[in-house]
């Protein structure tokens, strides 16, 4: 790439100016990272080891846990290393890899959340057809489609973004690199190609969002017609965690990428990026296990097996 000779490394935003605060931020990030590893690891172990959880819903949840582990591992380890070693540098190759994996994992997660909404719709609104519409082969194909779509989306954005000549200040206003921040460094009008790719992704994401909204409108209509309060409680115990995760993921992502420059600030950008890239992977296991007794029991059994 021709722009590699112009910029060979980038500078990430430091969490703090003093050494004491840097170490404090490291400790906080380490705690969040370990909690995410533990929570998602327990979900992976519980779903893999308990035969009762070998259903489409938990199969998709297993994929979500894998994506969450990858997403938080793309951003936090580098931020923690920089805090410990009192540096801000990230190499050109490291920046490109971080952008690729972040776009890949976040895109795949949004596509997977769409598939999970469809799964809940079929389970609640078309229960008699659940086995035929969501058999093991169909589930594997839908999960592969989510991962594959995220991968192709990441290849498109990374190749387009890093083909641009970058010659402005290489300092980043974020603790990890995002495509909008890279475009700010471009000294060429050809960045409009990446803008077109971003608009394509927004259009695709809007289509997924419509599928999610329509699925949940149908789900809530079906729930309101249920005569049994116990049945409604069971539906809400599986749907509300998924809806909470989607709401947090979509709202923070939209705000981060579509907010007006007039309300943009370094502190606000850092908080929003933290909310959509770090918080969901850390709290997803808690949200899913909070109201799901079956998953909660499986996690307890998994913990007791490993402890004993």
C-alpha atoms as a PDB file:
ATOM      1  CA  UNK A   1       0.000   0.000   0.000  1.00  0.00           C
ATOM      2  CA  UNK A   2       1.348   3.368  -0.987  1.00  0.00           C
ATOM      3  CA  UNK A   3       0.267   5.121   2.187  1.00  0.00           C
ATOM      4  CA  UNK A   4       2.437   2.933   4.392  1.00  0.00           C
ATOM      5  CA  UNK A   5       5.474   5.110   3.716  1.00  0.00           C
ATOM      6  CA  UNK A   6       3.583   8.205   4.860  1.00  0.00           C
ATOM      7  CA  UNK A   7       2.352   6.877   8.201  1.00  0.00           C
ATOM      8  CA  UNK A   8       4.000   3.830   9.804  1.00  0.00           C
ATOM      9  CA  UNK A   9       2.367   4.031  13.220  1.00  0.00           C
ATOM     10  CA  UNK A  10      -0.586   5.650  14.951  1.00  0.00           C
ATOM     11  CA  UNK A  11      -1.125   7.143  18.372  1.00  0.00           C
ATOM     12  CA  UNK A  12      -4.096   6.067  20.454  1.00  0.00           C
ATOM     13  CA  UNK A  13      -5.798   8.277  23.013  1.00  0.00           C
ATOM     14  CA  UNK A  14      -4.392   7.887  26.508  1.00  0.00           C
ATOM     15  CA  UNK A  15      -6.912   7.239  29.293  1.00  0.00           C
ATOM     16  CA  UNK A  16      -5.115   9.569  31.695  1.00  0.00           C
ATOM     17  CA  UNK A  17      -2.162  11.946  31.927  1.00  0.00           C
ATOM     18  CA  UNK A  18      -0.734  10.755  35.244  1.00  0.00           C
ATOM     19  CA  UNK A  19       0.917   7.387  35.888  1.00  0.00           C
ATOM     20  CA  UNK A  20      -1.330   6.630  38.881  1.00  0.00           C
ATOM     21  CA  UNK A  21      -4.523   7.131  36.877  1.00  0.00           C
ATOM     22  CA  UNK A  22      -3.142   5.043  34.022  1.00  0.00           C
ATOM     23  CA  UNK A  23      -2.564   2.130  36.400  1.00  0.00           C
ATOM     24  CA  UNK A  24      -6.041   2.628  37.871  1.00  0.00           C
ATOM     25  CA  UNK A  25      -7.566   2.462  34.392  1.00  0.00           C
ATOM     26  CA  UNK A  26      -5.531  -0.669  33.709  1.00  0.00           C
ATOM     27  CA  UNK A  27      -6.929  -2.324  36.843  1.00  0.00           C
ATOM     28  CA  UNK A  28     -10.511  -1.388  35.903  1.00  0.00           C
ATOM     29  CA  UNK A  29     -10.110  -2.613  32.314  1.00  0.00           C
ATOM     30  CA  UNK A  30      -8.479  -5.826  33.524  1.00  0.00           C
ATOM     31  CA  UNK A  31     -11.427  -6.463  35.857  1.00  0.00           C
ATOM     32  CA  UNK A  32     -13.921  -5.905  33.032  1.00  0.00           C
ATOM     33  CA  UNK A  33     -11.920  -8.094  30.657  1.00  0.00           C
ATOM     34  CA  UNK A  34     -11.633 -10.967  33.137  1.00  0.00           C
ATOM     35  CA  UNK A  35     -15.368 -10.712  33.925  1.00  0.00           C
ATOM     36  CA  UNK A  36     -16.170 -10.919  30.195  1.00  0.00           C
ATOM     37  CA  UNK A  37     -13.845 -13.906  29.750  1.00  0.00           C
ATOM     38  CA  UNK A  38     -15.370 -15.670  32.746  1.00  0.00           C
ATOM     39  CA  UNK A  39     -19.014 -14.945  31.870  1.00  0.00           C
ATOM     40  CA  UNK A  40     -18.782 -15.857  28.206  1.00  0.00           C
ATOM     41  CA  UNK A  41     -16.527 -18.821  28.995  1.00  0.00           C
ATOM     42  CA  UNK A  42     -19.131 -20.194  31.412  1.00  0.00           C
ATOM     43  CA  UNK A  43     -21.860 -19.845  28.787  1.00  0.00           C
ATOM     44  CA  UNK A  44     -19.695 -21.661  26.227  1.00  0.00           C
ATOM     45  CA  UNK A  45     -18.975 -24.476  28.685  1.00  0.00           C
ATOM     46  CA  UNK A  46     -22.596 -24.745  29.857  1.00  0.00           C
ATOM     47  CA  UNK A  47     -24.049 -24.912  26.338  1.00  0.00           C
ATOM     48  CA  UNK A  48     -21.378 -27.329  25.101  1.00  0.00           C
ATOM     49  CA  UNK A  49     -21.550 -29.711  28.073  1.00  0.00           C
ATOM     50  CA  UNK A  50     -25.294 -29.889  28.822  1.00  0.00           C
ATOM     51  CA  UNK A  51     -27.420 -31.841  26.385  1.00  0.00           C
ATOM     52  CA  UNK A  52     -30.614 -29.991  27.393  1.00  0.00           C
ATOM     53  CA  UNK A  53     -29.112 -26.781  26.008  1.00  0.00           C
ATOM     54  CA  UNK A  54     -28.463 -28.266  22.562  1.00  0.00           C
ATOM     55  CA  UNK A  55     -31.304 -26.245  21.019  1.00  0.00           C
ATOM     56  CA  UNK A  56     -31.282 -23.510  18.345  1.00  0.00           C
ATOM     57  CA  UNK A  57     -31.621 -20.680  20.879  1.00  0.00           C
ATOM     58  CA  UNK A  58     -28.593 -21.806  22.884  1.00  0.00           C
ATOM     59  CA  UNK A  59     -26.632 -22.648  19.744  1.00  0.00           C
ATOM     60  CA  UNK A  60     -26.994 -19.021  18.648  1.00  0.00           C
ATOM     61  CA  UNK A  61     -26.163 -17.879  22.191  1.00  0.00           C
ATOM     62  CA  UNK A  62     -22.928 -19.911  21.999  1.00  0.00           C
ATOM     63  CA  UNK A  63     -22.029 -18.096  18.774  1.00  0.00           C
ATOM     64  CA  UNK A  64     -22.837 -14.761  20.439  1.00  0.00           C
ATOM     65  CA  UNK A  65     -20.497 -15.592  23.321  1.00  0.00           C
ATOM     66  CA  UNK A  66     -17.693 -16.403  20.856  1.00  0.00           C
ATOM     67  CA  UNK A  67     -18.211 -13.084  19.052  1.00  0.00           C
ATOM     68  CA  UNK A  68     -18.270 -11.202  22.354  1.00  0.00           C
ATOM     69  CA  UNK A  69     -14.980 -12.781  23.416  1.00  0.00           C
ATOM     70  CA  UNK A  70     -13.409 -11.794  20.105  1.00  0.00           C
ATOM     71  CA  UNK A  71     -14.811  -8.258  20.187  1.00  0.00           C
ATOM     72  CA  UNK A  72     -13.583  -7.358  23.658  1.00  0.00           C
ATOM     73  CA  UNK A  73     -10.225  -9.054  22.973  1.00  0.00           C
ATOM     74  CA  UNK A  74      -9.738  -6.799  19.935  1.00  0.00           C
ATOM     75  CA  UNK A  75      -9.832  -3.549  21.917  1.00  0.00           C
ATOM     76  CA  UNK A  76      -9.026  -4.014  25.602  1.00  0.00           C
ATOM     77  CA  UNK A  77      -5.686  -5.920  25.588  1.00  0.00           C
ATOM     78  CA  UNK A  78      -3.980  -3.200  23.529  1.00  0.00           C
ATOM     79  CA  UNK A  79      -5.484  -0.452  25.682  1.00  0.00           C
ATOM     80  CA  UNK A  80      -4.307  -2.243  28.838  1.00  0.00           C
ATOM     81  CA  UNK A  81      -0.821  -2.811  27.428  1.00  0.00           C
ATOM     82  CA  UNK A  82      -0.502   0.865  26.527  1.00  0.00           C
ATOM     83  CA  UNK A  83      -1.582   1.849  30.055  1.00  0.00           C
ATOM     84  CA  UNK A  84       0.974  -0.476  31.667  1.00  0.00           C
ATOM     85  CA  UNK A  85       3.887   0.478  29.393  1.00  0.00           C
ATOM     86  CA  UNK A  86       2.943   4.187  29.315  1.00  0.00           C
ATOM     87  CA  UNK A  87       2.769   4.391  25.537  1.00  0.00           C
ATOM     88  CA  UNK A  88       0.172   5.323  22.917  1.00  0.00           C
ATOM     89  CA  UNK A  89       1.697   3.754  19.811  1.00  0.00           C
ATOM     90  CA  UNK A  90       0.103   1.125  17.579  1.00  0.00           C
ATOM     91  CA  UNK A  91       1.721  -0.045  14.335  1.00  0.00           C
ATOM     92  CA  UNK A  92       0.159   0.413  10.896  1.00  0.00           C
ATOM     93  CA  UNK A  93      -0.374  -3.357  10.622  1.00  0.00           C
ATOM     94  CA  UNK A  94      -1.793  -3.489  14.151  1.00  0.00           C
ATOM     95  CA  UNK A  95      -4.199  -0.670  13.345  1.00  0.00           C
ATOM     96  CA  UNK A  96      -5.378  -2.420  10.156  1.00  0.00           C
ATOM     97  CA  UNK A  97      -5.841  -5.704  12.047  1.00  0.00           C
ATOM     98  CA  UNK A  98      -7.774  -3.980  14.827  1.00  0.00           C
ATOM     99  CA  UNK A  99     -10.109  -2.260  12.361  1.00  0.00           C
ATOM    100  CA  UNK A 100     -10.659  -5.500  10.415  1.00  0.00           C
ATOM    101  CA  UNK A 101     -11.473  -7.655  13.438  1.00  0.00           C
ATOM    102  CA  UNK A 102     -13.648  -5.006  15.079  1.00  0.00           C
ATOM    103  CA  UNK A 103     -15.756  -4.505  11.930  1.00  0.00           C
ATOM    104  CA  UNK A 104     -15.880  -8.266  11.361  1.00  0.00           C
ATOM    105  CA  UNK A 105     -16.965  -9.157  14.896  1.00  0.00           C
ATOM    106  CA  UNK A 106     -19.399  -6.287  15.463  1.00  0.00           C
ATOM    107  CA  UNK A 107     -20.988  -6.798  12.035  1.00  0.00           C
ATOM    108  CA  UNK A 108     -21.295 -10.553  12.599  1.00  0.00           C
ATOM    109  CA  UNK A 109     -22.836  -9.923  16.017  1.00  0.00           C
ATOM    110  CA  UNK A 110     -25.523  -7.648  14.584  1.00  0.00           C
ATOM    111  CA  UNK A 111     -26.358 -10.185  11.876  1.00  0.00           C
ATOM    112  CA  UNK A 112     -26.488 -12.912  14.534  1.00  0.00           C
ATOM    113  CA  UNK A 113     -28.814 -10.831  16.725  1.00  0.00           C
ATOM    114  CA  UNK A 114     -31.113 -10.593  13.697  1.00  0.00           C
ATOM    115  CA  UNK A 115     -31.057 -14.390  13.334  1.00  0.00           C
ATOM    116  CA  UNK A 116     -31.798 -14.732  17.062  1.00  0.00           C
ATOM    117  CA  UNK A 117     -34.820 -12.449  16.714  1.00  0.00           C
ATOM    118  CA  UNK A 118     -36.107 -14.669  13.896  1.00  0.00           C
ATOM    119  CA  UNK A 119     -35.513 -17.728  16.104  1.00  0.00           C
ATOM    120  CA  UNK A 120     -37.674 -16.240  18.882  1.00  0.00           C
ATOM    121  CA  UNK A 121     -40.352 -15.273  16.347  1.00  0.00           C
ATOM    122  CA  UNK A 122     -40.604 -18.824  14.981  1.00  0.00           C
ATOM    123  CA  UNK A 123     -40.523 -20.370  18.475  1.00  0.00           C
ATOM    124  CA  UNK A 124     -43.376 -18.195  19.760  1.00  0.00           C
ATOM    125  CA  UNK A 125     -45.492 -17.424  16.700  1.00  0.00           C
ATOM    126  CA  UNK A 126     -45.002 -20.659  14.709  1.00  0.00           C
ATOM    127  CA  UNK A 127     -44.178 -23.313  17.326  1.00  0.00           C
ATOM    128  CA  UNK A 128     -45.551 -26.195  15.225  1.00  0.00           C
ATOM    129  CA  UNK A 129     -43.090 -25.355  12.432  1.00  0.00           C
ATOM    130  CA  UNK A 130     -40.106 -24.708  14.716  1.00  0.00           C
ATOM    131  CA  UNK A 131     -38.453 -28.075  14.127  1.00  0.00           C
ATOM    132  CA  UNK A 132     -38.730 -27.856  10.342  1.00  0.00           C
ATOM    133  CA  UNK A 133     -37.730 -24.180  10.004  1.00  0.00           C
ATOM    134  CA  UNK A 134     -34.880 -24.292  12.515  1.00  0.00           C
ATOM    135  CA  UNK A 135     -33.342 -27.721  12.231  1.00  0.00           C
ATOM    136  CA  UNK A 136     -29.663 -28.288  12.958  1.00  0.00           C
ATOM    137  CA  UNK A 137     -28.681 -27.759   9.321  1.00  0.00           C
ATOM    138  CA  UNK A 138     -30.686 -24.522   9.005  1.00  0.00           C
ATOM    139  CA  UNK A 139     -29.189 -23.188  12.263  1.00  0.00           C
ATOM    140  CA  UNK A 140     -25.650 -23.950  11.087  1.00  0.00           C
ATOM    141  CA  UNK A 141     -26.331 -22.231   7.760  1.00  0.00           C
ATOM    142  CA  UNK A 142     -27.778 -19.112   9.427  1.00  0.00           C
ATOM    143  CA  UNK A 143     -24.873 -18.872  11.865  1.00  0.00           C
ATOM    144  CA  UNK A 144     -22.381 -19.335   9.009  1.00  0.00           C
ATOM    145  CA  UNK A 145     -24.209 -16.629   7.034  1.00  0.00           C
ATOM    146  CA  UNK A 146     -23.894 -14.212   9.974  1.00  0.00           C
ATOM    147  CA  UNK A 147     -20.150 -14.876  10.350  1.00  0.00           C
ATOM    148  CA  UNK A 148     -19.590 -14.821   6.583  1.00  0.00           C
ATOM    149  CA  UNK A 149     -21.501 -11.548   6.100  1.00  0.00           C
ATOM    150  CA  UNK A 150     -19.464  -9.908   8.848  1.00  0.00           C
ATOM    151  CA  UNK A 151     -16.233 -11.172   7.277  1.00  0.00           C
ATOM    152  CA  UNK A 152     -17.074  -9.866   3.786  1.00  0.00           C
ATOM    153  CA  UNK A 153     -18.196  -6.548   5.255  1.00  0.00           C
ATOM    154  CA  UNK A 154     -14.885  -6.246   7.133  1.00  0.00           C
ATOM    155  CA  UNK A 155     -12.841  -7.083   4.015  1.00  0.00           C
ATOM    156  CA  UNK A 156     -14.727  -4.419   2.033  1.00  0.00           C
ATOM    157  CA  UNK A 157     -14.233  -1.673   4.635  1.00  0.00           C
ATOM    158  CA  UNK A 158     -10.640  -2.510   5.572  1.00  0.00           C
ATOM    159  CA  UNK A 159      -9.451  -2.763   1.968  1.00  0.00           C
ATOM    160  CA  UNK A 160     -11.201   0.475   0.995  1.00  0.00           C
ATOM    161  CA  UNK A 161     -10.089   2.438   4.058  1.00  0.00           C
ATOM    162  CA  UNK A 162      -6.421   1.419   4.036  1.00  0.00           C
ATOM    163  CA  UNK A 163      -6.061   1.988   0.291  1.00  0.00           C
ATOM    164  CA  UNK A 164      -6.431   5.722   0.986  1.00  0.00           C
ATOM    165  CA  UNK A 165      -3.332   7.917   1.314  1.00  0.00           C
ATOM    166  CA  UNK A 166      -3.034   8.944   4.964  1.00  0.00           C
ATOM    167  CA  UNK A 167      -0.974  12.051   5.597  1.00  0.00           C
ATOM    168  CA  UNK A 168      -2.654  14.042   8.378  1.00  0.00           C
ATOM    169  CA  UNK A 169      -1.838  13.952  12.082  1.00  0.00           C
ATOM    170  CA  UNK A 170      -1.685  10.304  13.161  1.00  0.00           C
ATOM    171  CA  UNK A 171      -3.033  10.951  16.680  1.00  0.00           C
ATOM    172  CA  UNK A 172      -6.358   9.234  17.443  1.00  0.00           C
ATOM    173  CA  UNK A 173      -9.123  10.637  19.642  1.00  0.00           C
ATOM    174  CA  UNK A 174     -10.109   7.119  20.748  1.00  0.00           C
ATOM    175  CA  UNK A 175      -8.594   4.202  22.697  1.00  0.00           C
ATOM    176  CA  UNK A 176      -8.971   1.994  19.607  1.00  0.00           C
ATOM    177  CA  UNK A 177      -9.183   2.714  15.890  1.00  0.00           C
ATOM    178  CA  UNK A 178     -12.495   3.062  14.031  1.00  0.00           C
ATOM    179  CA  UNK A 179     -13.112   3.721  10.337  1.00  0.00           C
ATOM    180  CA  UNK A 180     -14.407   7.317  10.829  1.00  0.00           C
ATOM    181  CA  UNK A 181     -11.188   8.167  12.683  1.00  0.00           C
ATOM    182  CA  UNK A 182      -9.070   6.731   9.854  1.00  0.00           C
ATOM    183  CA  UNK A 183     -10.988   8.787   7.269  1.00  0.00           C
ATOM    184  CA  UNK A 184     -10.083  11.944   9.189  1.00  0.00           C
ATOM    185  CA  UNK A 185      -6.417  11.182   8.440  1.00  0.00           C
ATOM    186  CA  UNK A 186      -6.968  10.895   4.681  1.00  0.00           C
ATOM    187  CA  UNK A 187      -5.587  13.596   2.401  1.00  0.00           C
ATOM    188  CA  UNK A 188      -7.499  12.434  -0.677  1.00  0.00           C
ATOM    189  CA  UNK A 189     -11.027  12.962  -1.985  1.00  0.00           C
ATOM    190  CA  UNK A 190     -11.125   9.231  -2.692  1.00  0.00           C
ATOM    191  CA  UNK A 191     -12.398   8.743   0.861  1.00  0.00           C
ATOM    192  CA  UNK A 192     -15.843   9.057  -0.751  1.00  0.00           C
ATOM    193  CA  UNK A 193     -15.432   5.388  -1.788  1.00  0.00           C
ATOM    194  CA  UNK A 194     -15.395   4.387   1.864  1.00  0.00           C
ATOM    195  CA  UNK A 195     -18.318   6.715   2.566  1.00  0.00           C
ATOM    196  CA  UNK A 196     -20.220   4.760  -0.090  1.00  0.00           C
ATOM    197  CA  UNK A 197     -19.251   1.492   1.592  1.00  0.00           C
ATOM    198  CA  UNK A 198     -20.409   2.871   4.953  1.00  0.00           C
ATOM    199  CA  UNK A 199     -23.755   3.890   3.447  1.00  0.00           C
ATOM    200  CA  UNK A 200     -24.122   0.377   2.003  1.00  0.00           C
ATOM    201  CA  UNK A 201     -23.489  -1.111   5.456  1.00  0.00           C
ATOM    202  CA  UNK A 202     -25.987   1.291   7.021  1.00  0.00           C
ATOM    203  CA  UNK A 203     -28.592   0.218   4.453  1.00  0.00           C
ATOM    204  CA  UNK A 204     -27.863  -3.450   5.196  1.00  0.00           C
ATOM    205  CA  UNK A 205     -28.020  -2.833   8.944  1.00  0.00           C
ATOM    206  CA  UNK A 206     -31.328  -1.011   8.536  1.00  0.00           C
ATOM    207  CA  UNK A 207     -32.715  -4.088   6.777  1.00  0.00           C
ATOM    208  CA  UNK A 208     -31.627  -6.235   9.726  1.00  0.00           C
ATOM    209  CA  UNK A 209     -33.161  -3.722  12.127  1.00  0.00           C
ATOM    210  CA  UNK A 210     -36.488  -3.920  10.268  1.00  0.00           C
ATOM    211  CA  UNK A 211     -36.424  -7.736  10.569  1.00  0.00           C
ATOM    212  CA  UNK A 212     -35.803  -7.426  14.318  1.00  0.00           C
ATOM    213  CA  UNK A 213     -38.598  -4.867  14.825  1.00  0.00           C
ATOM    214  CA  UNK A 214     -41.134  -6.843  12.770  1.00  0.00           C
ATOM    215  CA  UNK A 215     -40.202 -10.057  14.618  1.00  0.00           C
ATOM    216  CA  UNK A 216     -40.745  -8.472  18.024  1.00  0.00           C
ATOM    217  CA  UNK A 217     -43.979  -6.760  17.011  1.00  0.00           C
ATOM    218  CA  UNK A 218     -45.331 -10.186  16.051  1.00  0.00           C
ATOM    219  CA  UNK A 219     -43.931 -11.716  19.260  1.00  0.00           C
ATOM    220  CA  UNK A 220     -45.579  -9.157  21.537  1.00  0.00           C
ATOM    221  CA  UNK A 221     -48.865  -9.492  19.683  1.00  0.00           C
ATOM    222  CA  UNK A 222     -48.729 -13.236  20.276  1.00  0.00           C
ATOM    223  CA  UNK A 223     -47.801 -12.766  23.947  1.00  0.00           C
ATOM    224  CA  UNK A 224     -50.743 -10.449  24.591  1.00  0.00           C
ATOM    225  CA  UNK A 225     -53.103 -13.134  23.287  1.00  0.00           C
ATOM    226  CA  UNK A 226     -51.730 -15.780  25.664  1.00  0.00           C
ATOM    227  CA  UNK A 227     -54.263 -16.697  28.384  1.00  0.00           C
ATOM    228  CA  UNK A 228     -51.631 -18.112  30.741  1.00  0.00           C
ATOM    229  CA  UNK A 229     -49.591 -15.748  32.884  1.00  0.00           C
ATOM    230  CA  UNK A 230     -46.960 -18.474  33.273  1.00  0.00           C
ATOM    231  CA  UNK A 231     -46.653 -18.726  29.494  1.00  0.00           C
ATOM    232  CA  UNK A 232     -46.186 -14.980  29.176  1.00  0.00           C
ATOM    233  CA  UNK A 233     -43.521 -15.038  31.876  1.00  0.00           C
ATOM    234  CA  UNK A 234     -41.627 -17.819  30.072  1.00  0.00           C
ATOM    235  CA  UNK A 235     -41.695 -15.885  26.790  1.00  0.00           C
ATOM    236  CA  UNK A 236     -40.494 -12.693  28.432  1.00  0.00           C
ATOM    237  CA  UNK A 237     -37.678 -14.567  30.205  1.00  0.00           C
ATOM    238  CA  UNK A 238     -36.203 -15.543  26.819  1.00  0.00           C
ATOM    239  CA  UNK A 239     -37.094 -12.447  24.772  1.00  0.00           C
ATOM    240  CA  UNK A 240     -36.397  -9.521  27.099  1.00  0.00           C
ATOM    241  CA  UNK A 241     -32.657 -10.280  27.518  1.00  0.00           C
ATOM    242  CA  UNK A 242     -32.256 -10.454  23.738  1.00  0.00           C
ATOM    243  CA  UNK A 243     -34.210  -7.211  23.304  1.00  0.00           C
ATOM    244  CA  UNK A 244     -32.108  -5.471  25.973  1.00  0.00           C
ATOM    245  CA  UNK A 245     -28.874  -6.500  24.244  1.00  0.00           C
ATOM    246  CA  UNK A 246     -30.144  -5.320  20.839  1.00  0.00           C
ATOM    247  CA  UNK A 247     -31.278  -1.972  22.294  1.00  0.00           C
ATOM    248  CA  UNK A 248     -27.886  -1.285  23.916  1.00  0.00           C
ATOM    249  CA  UNK A 249     -25.941  -2.451  20.869  1.00  0.00           C
ATOM    250  CA  UNK A 250     -27.985  -0.525  18.275  1.00  0.00           C
ATOM    251  CA  UNK A 251     -28.525   2.704  20.226  1.00  0.00           C
ATOM    252  CA  UNK A 252     -24.860   3.219  21.111  1.00  0.00           C
ATOM    253  CA  UNK A 253     -23.669   2.185  17.633  1.00  0.00           C
ATOM    254  CA  UNK A 254     -26.072   4.558  15.873  1.00  0.00           C
ATOM    255  CA  UNK A 255     -25.193   7.410  18.206  1.00  0.00           C
ATOM    256  CA  UNK A 256     -21.472   6.828  17.707  1.00  0.00           C
ATOM    257  CA  UNK A 257     -21.568   6.856  13.897  1.00  0.00           C
ATOM    258  CA  UNK A 258     -24.456   9.238  13.139  1.00  0.00           C
ATOM    259  CA  UNK A 259     -24.170  11.889  15.863  1.00  0.00           C
ATOM    260  CA  UNK A 260     -23.777  15.504  14.825  1.00  0.00           C
ATOM    261  CA  UNK A 261     -20.220  16.929  14.950  1.00  0.00           C
ATOM    262  CA  UNK A 262     -21.604  19.832  17.003  1.00  0.00           C
ATOM    263  CA  UNK A 263     -22.248  17.516  19.989  1.00  0.00           C
ATOM    264  CA  UNK A 264     -19.044  15.540  19.558  1.00  0.00           C
ATOM    265  CA  UNK A 265     -16.376  15.728  22.233  1.00  0.00           C
ATOM    266  CA  UNK A 266     -13.425  13.578  23.231  1.00  0.00           C
ATOM    267  CA  UNK A 267     -15.051  12.475  26.510  1.00  0.00           C
ATOM    268  CA  UNK A 268     -18.429  11.721  24.919  1.00  0.00           C
ATOM    269  CA  UNK A 269     -16.863   9.794  22.024  1.00  0.00           C
ATOM    270  CA  UNK A 270     -14.830   7.719  24.458  1.00  0.00           C
ATOM    271  CA  UNK A 271     -17.886   6.877  26.595  1.00  0.00           C
ATOM    272  CA  UNK A 272     -20.033   5.914  23.582  1.00  0.00           C
ATOM    273  CA  UNK A 273     -17.274   3.764  22.056  1.00  0.00           C
ATOM    274  CA  UNK A 274     -16.828   2.063  25.431  1.00  0.00           C
ATOM    275  CA  UNK A 275     -20.572   1.394  25.622  1.00  0.00           C
ATOM    276  CA  UNK A 276     -20.874  -0.355  22.266  1.00  0.00           C
ATOM    277  CA  UNK A 277     -17.503  -2.146  22.122  1.00  0.00           C
ATOM    278  CA  UNK A 278     -16.815  -3.136  25.738  1.00  0.00           C
ATOM    279  CA  UNK A 279     -20.050  -3.111  27.754  1.00  0.00           C
ATOM    280  CA  UNK A 280     -22.133  -5.591  25.654  1.00  0.00           C
ATOM    281  CA  UNK A 281     -19.515  -8.390  25.735  1.00  0.00           C
ATOM    282  CA  UNK A 282     -19.157  -7.918  29.489  1.00  0.00           C
ATOM    283  CA  UNK A 283     -22.856  -7.749  30.421  1.00  0.00           C
ATOM    284  CA  UNK A 284     -24.391 -10.113  27.830  1.00  0.00           C
ATOM    285  CA  UNK A 285     -23.768 -13.228  29.980  1.00  0.00           C
ATOM    286  CA  UNK A 286     -25.343 -11.511  32.985  1.00  0.00           C
ATOM    287  CA  UNK A 287     -28.371 -10.323  30.997  1.00  0.00           C
ATOM    288  CA  UNK A 288     -29.003 -13.745  29.474  1.00  0.00           C
ATOM    289  CA  UNK A 289     -28.621 -15.704  32.707  1.00  0.00           C
ATOM    290  CA  UNK A 290     -30.547 -13.266  34.913  1.00  0.00           C
ATOM    291  CA  UNK A 291     -34.049 -14.371  33.801  1.00  0.00           C
ATOM    292  CA  UNK A 292     -33.236 -17.741  32.240  1.00  0.00           C
ATOM    293  CA  UNK A 293     -33.486 -20.391  34.941  1.00  0.00           C
ATOM    294  CA  UNK A 294     -32.443 -23.219  32.624  1.00  0.00           C
ATOM    295  CA  UNK A 295     -29.194 -21.472  31.672  1.00  0.00           C
ATOM    296  CA  UNK A 296     -28.614 -20.413  35.263  1.00  0.00           C
ATOM    297  CA  UNK A 297     -28.880 -24.011  36.467  1.00  0.00           C
ATOM    298  CA  UNK A 298     -26.520 -25.225  33.727  1.00  0.00           C
ATOM    299  CA  UNK A 299     -23.942 -22.577  34.663  1.00  0.00           C
ATOM    300  CA  UNK A 300     -24.172 -23.579  38.334  1.00  0.00           C
ATOM    301  CA  UNK A 301     -23.585 -27.229  37.425  1.00  0.00           C
ATOM    302  CA  UNK A 302     -20.632 -26.254  35.232  1.00  0.00           C
ATOM    303  CA  UNK A 303     -19.081 -24.213  38.050  1.00  0.00           C
ATOM    304  CA  UNK A 304     -19.634 -26.964  40.613  1.00  0.00           C
ATOM    305  CA  UNK A 305     -18.002 -29.547  38.306  1.00  0.00           C
ATOM    306  CA  UNK A 306     -14.917 -27.374  37.779  1.00  0.00           C
ATOM    307  CA  UNK A 307     -14.670 -26.422  41.480  1.00  0.00           C
ATOM    308  CA  UNK A 308     -14.997 -29.991  42.721  1.00  0.00           C
END
